Amino acid sequence: MTTSDTDGNAEEPPGRAPQAPPDRRPWFSGATALALVVATVGAVLAAFVTPLGDHLVKALLDEPTCPGEACEGKNPQNQGCGEDVRTFKPGTDNPALLQIRRSEDCKAAWARIERGSPGDLVTVQVSGGTKRTAEVEYGDDQFTHMVALPEGDYRITACAIPKAGGTSTYATYCVHATEATAWR
């Protein structure tokens, strides 16, 4: 039973001590702290085993994952080889906007077509090495997987090959580059 004074304030009955506020626990104690730690560790581990995690690790280490022969046949974007890319793209008489791309860190090259049509092919080959081919599946651009570059002198050939009966208006077109080419 409580009594009120004339101001309407409640008072504790006589002989009863005021109650202390309950003890407060931090929100991160016990099971909550364990769940937070597990979630954090899980997120970090997931980041390192996904393609995004691979990209983050490569960016942190600032090194490609596949220099030289280890890059042969791999996607340059997935291997971190676009970070230091240098490009040879003839400015005139280049109907397919064909280019050769080279990564010094990856010691590899690949070709890219920017003005193709579905069904057109783009190829790249280092003299005496493997030839890689990619097909424009949709849109107008595509790139090949990489070919390893040898130490010393080399010659890279990239070609744009229109699909027979396709919509491209150019004939088969090739460009060549060497280690001495004016790469941009």
C-alpha atoms as a PDB file:
ATOM      1  CA  MET A   1       0.000   0.000   0.000  1.00  0.00           C
ATOM      2  CA  THR A   2       1.232   3.369  -0.962  1.00  0.00           C
ATOM      3  CA  THR A   3       0.235   6.729   0.241  1.00  0.00           C
ATOM      4  CA  SER A   4       0.160   9.931  -1.672  1.00  0.00           C
ATOM      5  CA  ASP A   5       1.006  13.357  -0.545  1.00  0.00           C
ATOM      6  CA  THR A   6      -0.960  16.308  -1.728  1.00  0.00           C
ATOM      7  CA  ASP A   7       1.230  16.701  -4.799  1.00  0.00           C
ATOM      8  CA  GLY A   8       0.229  13.243  -6.053  1.00  0.00           C
ATOM      9  CA  ASN A   9       3.689  11.716  -5.492  1.00  0.00           C
ATOM     10  CA  ALA A  10       3.743   8.089  -4.364  1.00  0.00           C
ATOM     11  CA  GLU A  11       5.725   7.136  -1.290  1.00  0.00           C
ATOM     12  CA  GLU A  12       6.879   3.792   0.034  1.00  0.00           C
ATOM     13  CA  PRO A  13       5.094   2.661   3.152  1.00  0.00           C
ATOM     14  CA  PRO A  14       6.982   3.248   6.370  1.00  0.00           C
ATOM     15  CA  GLY A  15       9.409   0.511   7.395  1.00  0.00           C
ATOM     16  CA  ARG A  16      10.130  -0.607   3.838  1.00  0.00           C
ATOM     17  CA  ALA A  17      13.523   0.181   2.375  1.00  0.00           C
ATOM     18  CA  PRO A  18      13.695   1.535  -1.171  1.00  0.00           C
ATOM     19  CA  GLN A  19      14.644  -1.156  -3.704  1.00  0.00           C
ATOM     20  CA  ALA A  20      18.001  -1.006  -5.480  1.00  0.00           C
ATOM     21  CA  PRO A  21      17.978  -1.038  -9.273  1.00  0.00           C
ATOM     22  CA  PRO A  22      18.667  -4.515 -10.733  1.00  0.00           C
ATOM     23  CA  ASP A  23      22.227  -5.379 -11.751  1.00  0.00           C
ATOM     24  CA  ARG A  24      22.843  -4.649 -15.411  1.00  0.00           C
ATOM     25  CA  ARG A  25      24.813  -7.104 -17.538  1.00  0.00           C
ATOM     26  CA  PRO A  26      26.656  -5.982 -20.619  1.00  0.00           C
ATOM     27  CA  TRP A  27      24.819  -6.978 -23.825  1.00  0.00           C
ATOM     28  CA  PHE A  28      27.865  -8.848 -25.120  1.00  0.00           C
ATOM     29  CA  SER A  29      28.266 -11.319 -22.307  1.00  0.00           C
ATOM     30  CA  GLY A  30      27.764 -15.074 -22.343  1.00  0.00           C
ATOM     31  CA  ALA A  31      25.996 -16.603 -25.326  1.00  0.00           C
ATOM     32  CA  THR A  32      25.779 -13.260 -27.152  1.00  0.00           C
ATOM     33  CA  ALA A  33      29.547 -12.796 -27.037  1.00  0.00           C
ATOM     34  CA  LEU A  34      30.099 -16.336 -28.306  1.00  0.00           C
ATOM     35  CA  ALA A  35      27.630 -15.818 -31.167  1.00  0.00           C
ATOM     36  CA  LEU A  36      29.335 -12.545 -32.103  1.00  0.00           C
ATOM     37  CA  VAL A  37      32.764 -14.196 -32.195  1.00  0.00           C
ATOM     38  CA  VAL A  38      31.490 -17.143 -34.270  1.00  0.00           C
ATOM     39  CA  ALA A  39      29.755 -14.803 -36.742  1.00  0.00           C
ATOM     40  CA  THR A  40      32.869 -12.638 -37.120  1.00  0.00           C
ATOM     41  CA  VAL A  41      35.196 -15.594 -37.640  1.00  0.00           C
ATOM     42  CA  GLY A  42      32.709 -17.135 -40.088  1.00  0.00           C
ATOM     43  CA  ALA A  43      32.473 -13.925 -42.111  1.00  0.00           C
ATOM     44  CA  VAL A  44      36.259 -13.592 -42.292  1.00  0.00           C
ATOM     45  CA  LEU A  45      36.665 -17.218 -43.367  1.00  0.00           C
ATOM     46  CA  ALA A  46      33.887 -16.887 -45.965  1.00  0.00           C
ATOM     47  CA  ALA A  47      35.585 -13.822 -47.407  1.00  0.00           C
ATOM     48  CA  PHE A  48      38.781 -15.780 -47.946  1.00  0.00           C
ATOM     49  CA  VAL A  49      37.168 -18.772 -49.674  1.00  0.00           C
ATOM     50  CA  THR A  50      34.973 -16.847 -52.147  1.00  0.00           C
ATOM     51  CA  PRO A  51      36.008 -15.116 -55.392  1.00  0.00           C
ATOM     52  CA  LEU A  52      35.548 -11.778 -53.646  1.00  0.00           C
ATOM     53  CA  GLY A  53      37.863 -12.992 -50.902  1.00  0.00           C
ATOM     54  CA  ASP A  54      40.389 -14.085 -53.520  1.00  0.00           C
ATOM     55  CA  HIS A  55      40.278 -10.600 -55.026  1.00  0.00           C
ATOM     56  CA  LEU A  56      40.678  -8.985 -51.590  1.00  0.00           C
ATOM     57  CA  VAL A  57      43.641 -11.204 -50.729  1.00  0.00           C
ATOM     58  CA  LYS A  58      45.284 -10.395 -54.075  1.00  0.00           C
ATOM     59  CA  ALA A  59      44.724  -6.691 -53.519  1.00  0.00           C
ATOM     60  CA  LEU A  60      46.190  -6.891 -50.026  1.00  0.00           C
ATOM     61  CA  LEU A  61      49.208  -8.896 -51.126  1.00  0.00           C
ATOM     62  CA  ASP A  62      49.544  -6.802 -54.317  1.00  0.00           C
ATOM     63  CA  GLU A  63      50.827  -9.807 -56.212  1.00  0.00           C
ATOM     64  CA  PRO A  64      49.201 -11.809 -58.995  1.00  0.00           C
ATOM     65  CA  THR A  65      48.189 -15.348 -58.187  1.00  0.00           C
ATOM     66  CA  CYS A  66      49.690 -16.874 -61.309  1.00  0.00           C
ATOM     67  CA  PRO A  67      52.858 -15.370 -62.766  1.00  0.00           C
ATOM     68  CA  GLY A  68      54.208 -16.848 -66.020  1.00  0.00           C
ATOM     69  CA  GLU A  69      53.273 -20.400 -67.009  1.00  0.00           C
ATOM     70  CA  ALA A  70      50.838 -20.623 -64.086  1.00  0.00           C
ATOM     71  CA  CYS A  71      48.664 -17.988 -65.852  1.00  0.00           C
ATOM     72  CA  GLU A  72      48.367 -20.037 -69.043  1.00  0.00           C
ATOM     73  CA  GLY A  73      44.683 -20.444 -69.939  1.00  0.00           C
ATOM     74  CA  LYS A  74      43.354 -18.514 -66.934  1.00  0.00           C
ATOM     75  CA  ASN A  75      40.967 -15.566 -66.777  1.00  0.00           C
ATOM     76  CA  PRO A  76      43.008 -12.365 -66.269  1.00  0.00           C
ATOM     77  CA  GLN A  77      40.293 -10.736 -64.165  1.00  0.00           C
ATOM     78  CA  ASN A  78      40.145 -13.628 -61.703  1.00  0.00           C
ATOM     79  CA  GLN A  79      43.912 -13.720 -61.306  1.00  0.00           C
ATOM     80  CA  GLY A  80      44.461 -10.031 -60.513  1.00  0.00           C
ATOM     81  CA  CYS A  81      46.317  -9.452 -63.777  1.00  0.00           C
ATOM     82  CA  GLY A  82      44.386  -6.309 -64.690  1.00  0.00           C
ATOM     83  CA  GLU A  83      46.061  -4.226 -62.000  1.00  0.00           C
ATOM     84  CA  ASP A  84      49.158  -3.337 -64.065  1.00  0.00           C
ATOM     85  CA  VAL A  85      47.727  -3.953 -67.531  1.00  0.00           C
ATOM     86  CA  ARG A  86      49.349  -2.284 -70.541  1.00  0.00           C
ATOM     87  CA  THR A  87      47.477  -2.158 -73.850  1.00  0.00           C
ATOM     88  CA  PHE A  88      48.389  -2.098 -77.527  1.00  0.00           C
ATOM     89  CA  LYS A  89      45.460  -0.877 -79.597  1.00  0.00           C
ATOM     90  CA  PRO A  90      46.087   0.405 -83.107  1.00  0.00           C
ATOM     91  CA  GLY A  91      44.348   3.759 -83.456  1.00  0.00           C
ATOM     92  CA  THR A  92      43.680   3.578 -87.180  1.00  0.00           C
ATOM     93  CA  ASP A  93      42.355   0.872 -89.483  1.00  0.00           C
ATOM     94  CA  ASN A  94      41.144  -1.192 -86.522  1.00  0.00           C
ATOM     95  CA  PRO A  95      37.578  -2.106 -87.546  1.00  0.00           C
ATOM     96  CA  ALA A  96      36.903  -4.452 -84.608  1.00  0.00           C
ATOM     97  CA  LEU A  97      38.680  -2.261 -82.024  1.00  0.00           C
ATOM     98  CA  LEU A  98      40.983  -5.199 -81.357  1.00  0.00           C
ATOM     99  CA  GLN A  99      43.607  -4.866 -78.642  1.00  0.00           C
ATOM    100  CA  ILE A 100      46.354  -6.873 -77.012  1.00  0.00           C
ATOM    101  CA  ARG A 101      46.639  -6.556 -73.252  1.00  0.00           C
ATOM    102  CA  ARG A 102      49.736  -7.482 -71.275  1.00  0.00           C
ATOM    103  CA  SER A 103      50.475  -7.754 -67.560  1.00  0.00           C
ATOM    104  CA  GLU A 104      54.106  -7.403 -66.584  1.00  0.00           C
ATOM    105  CA  ASP A 105      53.443  -8.789 -63.091  1.00  0.00           C
ATOM    106  CA  CYS A 106      51.619 -11.829 -64.484  1.00  0.00           C
ATOM    107  CA  LYS A 107      54.049 -12.255 -67.395  1.00  0.00           C
ATOM    108  CA  ALA A 108      51.027 -12.993 -69.592  1.00  0.00           C
ATOM    109  CA  ALA A 109      48.935 -11.465 -72.382  1.00  0.00           C
ATOM    110  CA  TRP A 110      45.393 -11.728 -73.725  1.00  0.00           C
ATOM    111  CA  ALA A 111      43.326 -10.219 -76.559  1.00  0.00           C
ATOM    112  CA  ARG A 112      40.137  -8.205 -76.404  1.00  0.00           C
ATOM    113  CA  ILE A 113      37.615  -7.249 -79.059  1.00  0.00           C
ATOM    114  CA  GLU A 114      35.394  -4.228 -78.415  1.00  0.00           C
ATOM    115  CA  ARG A 115      33.383  -4.017 -81.616  1.00  0.00           C
ATOM    116  CA  GLY A 116      32.325  -7.557 -82.412  1.00  0.00           C
ATOM    117  CA  SER A 117      29.001  -9.318 -82.791  1.00  0.00           C
ATOM    118  CA  PRO A 118      27.662 -12.531 -81.275  1.00  0.00           C
ATOM    119  CA  GLY A 119      29.483 -15.467 -82.847  1.00  0.00           C
ATOM    120  CA  ASP A 120      32.654 -13.502 -83.697  1.00  0.00           C
ATOM    121  CA  LEU A 121      35.917 -14.925 -82.390  1.00  0.00           C
ATOM    122  CA  VAL A 122      38.923 -13.260 -80.819  1.00  0.00           C
ATOM    123  CA  THR A 123      42.251 -15.114 -80.626  1.00  0.00           C
ATOM    124  CA  VAL A 124      45.657 -14.552 -79.080  1.00  0.00           C
ATOM    125  CA  GLN A 125      48.918 -16.438 -79.496  1.00  0.00           C
ATOM    126  CA  VAL A 126      52.534 -15.880 -78.563  1.00  0.00           C
ATOM    127  CA  SER A 127      54.898 -17.089 -81.272  1.00  0.00           C
ATOM    128  CA  GLY A 128      55.614 -20.756 -80.584  1.00  0.00           C
ATOM    129  CA  GLY A 129      53.013 -20.871 -77.795  1.00  0.00           C
ATOM    130  CA  THR A 130      49.444 -21.869 -77.174  1.00  0.00           C
ATOM    131  CA  LYS A 131      46.584 -20.184 -79.039  1.00  0.00           C
ATOM    132  CA  ARG A 132      43.555 -19.046 -77.000  1.00  0.00           C
ATOM    133  CA  THR A 133      40.164 -18.319 -78.557  1.00  0.00           C
ATOM    134  CA  ALA A 134      37.015 -16.738 -77.140  1.00  0.00           C
ATOM    135  CA  GLU A 135      33.619 -16.183 -78.753  1.00  0.00           C
ATOM    136  CA  VAL A 136      31.477 -13.085 -78.378  1.00  0.00           C
ATOM    137  CA  GLU A 137      28.380 -14.588 -76.778  1.00  0.00           C
ATOM    138  CA  TYR A 138      26.270 -11.442 -76.435  1.00  0.00           C
ATOM    139  CA  GLY A 139      26.914  -7.736 -76.749  1.00  0.00           C
ATOM    140  CA  ASP A 140      29.946  -6.612 -78.704  1.00  0.00           C
ATOM    141  CA  ASP A 141      33.015  -7.284 -76.582  1.00  0.00           C
ATOM    142  CA  GLN A 142      34.952 -10.303 -75.329  1.00  0.00           C
ATOM    143  CA  PHE A 143      38.436 -11.190 -74.138  1.00  0.00           C
ATOM    144  CA  THR A 144      40.484 -14.370 -74.295  1.00  0.00           C
ATOM    145  CA  HIS A 145      42.101 -16.235 -71.465  1.00  0.00           C
ATOM    146  CA  MET A 146      45.811 -15.602 -70.998  1.00  0.00           C
ATOM    147  CA  VAL A 147      48.903 -16.900 -72.746  1.00  0.00           C
ATOM    148  CA  ALA A 148      52.209 -16.919 -70.862  1.00  0.00           C
ATOM    149  CA  LEU A 149      54.948 -14.620 -72.123  1.00  0.00           C
ATOM    150  CA  PRO A 150      58.471 -16.012 -72.399  1.00  0.00           C
ATOM    151  CA  GLU A 151      61.499 -14.204 -71.001  1.00  0.00           C
ATOM    152  CA  GLY A 152      63.227 -11.991 -73.558  1.00  0.00           C
ATOM    153  CA  ASP A 153      61.888 -11.478 -77.084  1.00  0.00           C
ATOM    154  CA  TYR A 154      58.373 -12.474 -78.093  1.00  0.00           C
ATOM    155  CA  ARG A 155      55.715 -11.703 -80.707  1.00  0.00           C
ATOM    156  CA  ILE A 156      52.014 -11.713 -79.854  1.00  0.00           C
ATOM    157  CA  THR A 157      49.337 -12.036 -82.532  1.00  0.00           C
ATOM    158  CA  ALA A 158      45.683 -11.250 -81.864  1.00  0.00           C
ATOM    159  CA  CYS A 159      42.907 -11.689 -84.424  1.00  0.00           C
ATOM    160  CA  ALA A 160      39.243 -10.761 -84.723  1.00  0.00           C
ATOM    161  CA  ILE A 161      37.376 -13.298 -86.873  1.00  0.00           C
ATOM    162  CA  PRO A 162      33.799 -12.464 -87.863  1.00  0.00           C
ATOM    163  CA  LYS A 163      31.160 -15.168 -87.778  1.00  0.00           C
ATOM    164  CA  ALA A 164      30.338 -16.452 -91.257  1.00  0.00           C
ATOM    165  CA  GLY A 165      26.945 -14.994 -92.140  1.00  0.00           C
ATOM    166  CA  GLY A 166      27.006 -12.835 -88.985  1.00  0.00           C
ATOM    167  CA  THR A 167      26.367  -9.127 -88.673  1.00  0.00           C
ATOM    168  CA  SER A 168      29.982  -7.881 -88.415  1.00  0.00           C
ATOM    169  CA  THR A 169      31.133  -5.870 -91.421  1.00  0.00           C
ATOM    170  CA  TYR A 170      34.883  -6.406 -91.094  1.00  0.00           C
ATOM    171  CA  ALA A 171      37.015  -9.182 -92.584  1.00  0.00           C
ATOM    172  CA  THR A 172      39.400 -11.219 -90.424  1.00  0.00           C
ATOM    173  CA  TYR A 173      41.696  -8.672 -88.842  1.00  0.00           C
ATOM    174  CA  CYS A 174      44.954  -9.279 -86.931  1.00  0.00           C
ATOM    175  CA  VAL A 175      47.411  -7.121 -84.973  1.00  0.00           C
ATOM    176  CA  HIS A 176      50.927  -7.942 -83.776  1.00  0.00           C
ATOM    177  CA  ALA A 177      52.953  -6.690 -80.844  1.00  0.00           C
ATOM    178  CA  THR A 178      56.357  -7.431 -79.306  1.00  0.00           C
ATOM    179  CA  GLU A 179      58.082  -6.614 -76.052  1.00  0.00           C
ATOM    180  CA  ALA A 180      59.331  -3.419 -77.770  1.00  0.00           C
ATOM    181  CA  THR A 181      55.829  -2.237 -78.807  1.00  0.00           C
ATOM    182  CA  ALA A 182      54.699   1.139 -77.480  1.00  0.00           C
ATOM    183  CA  TRP A 183      52.330  -0.242 -74.828  1.00  0.00           C
ATOM    184  CA  ARG A 184      49.985   2.250 -73.161  1.00  0.00           C
END
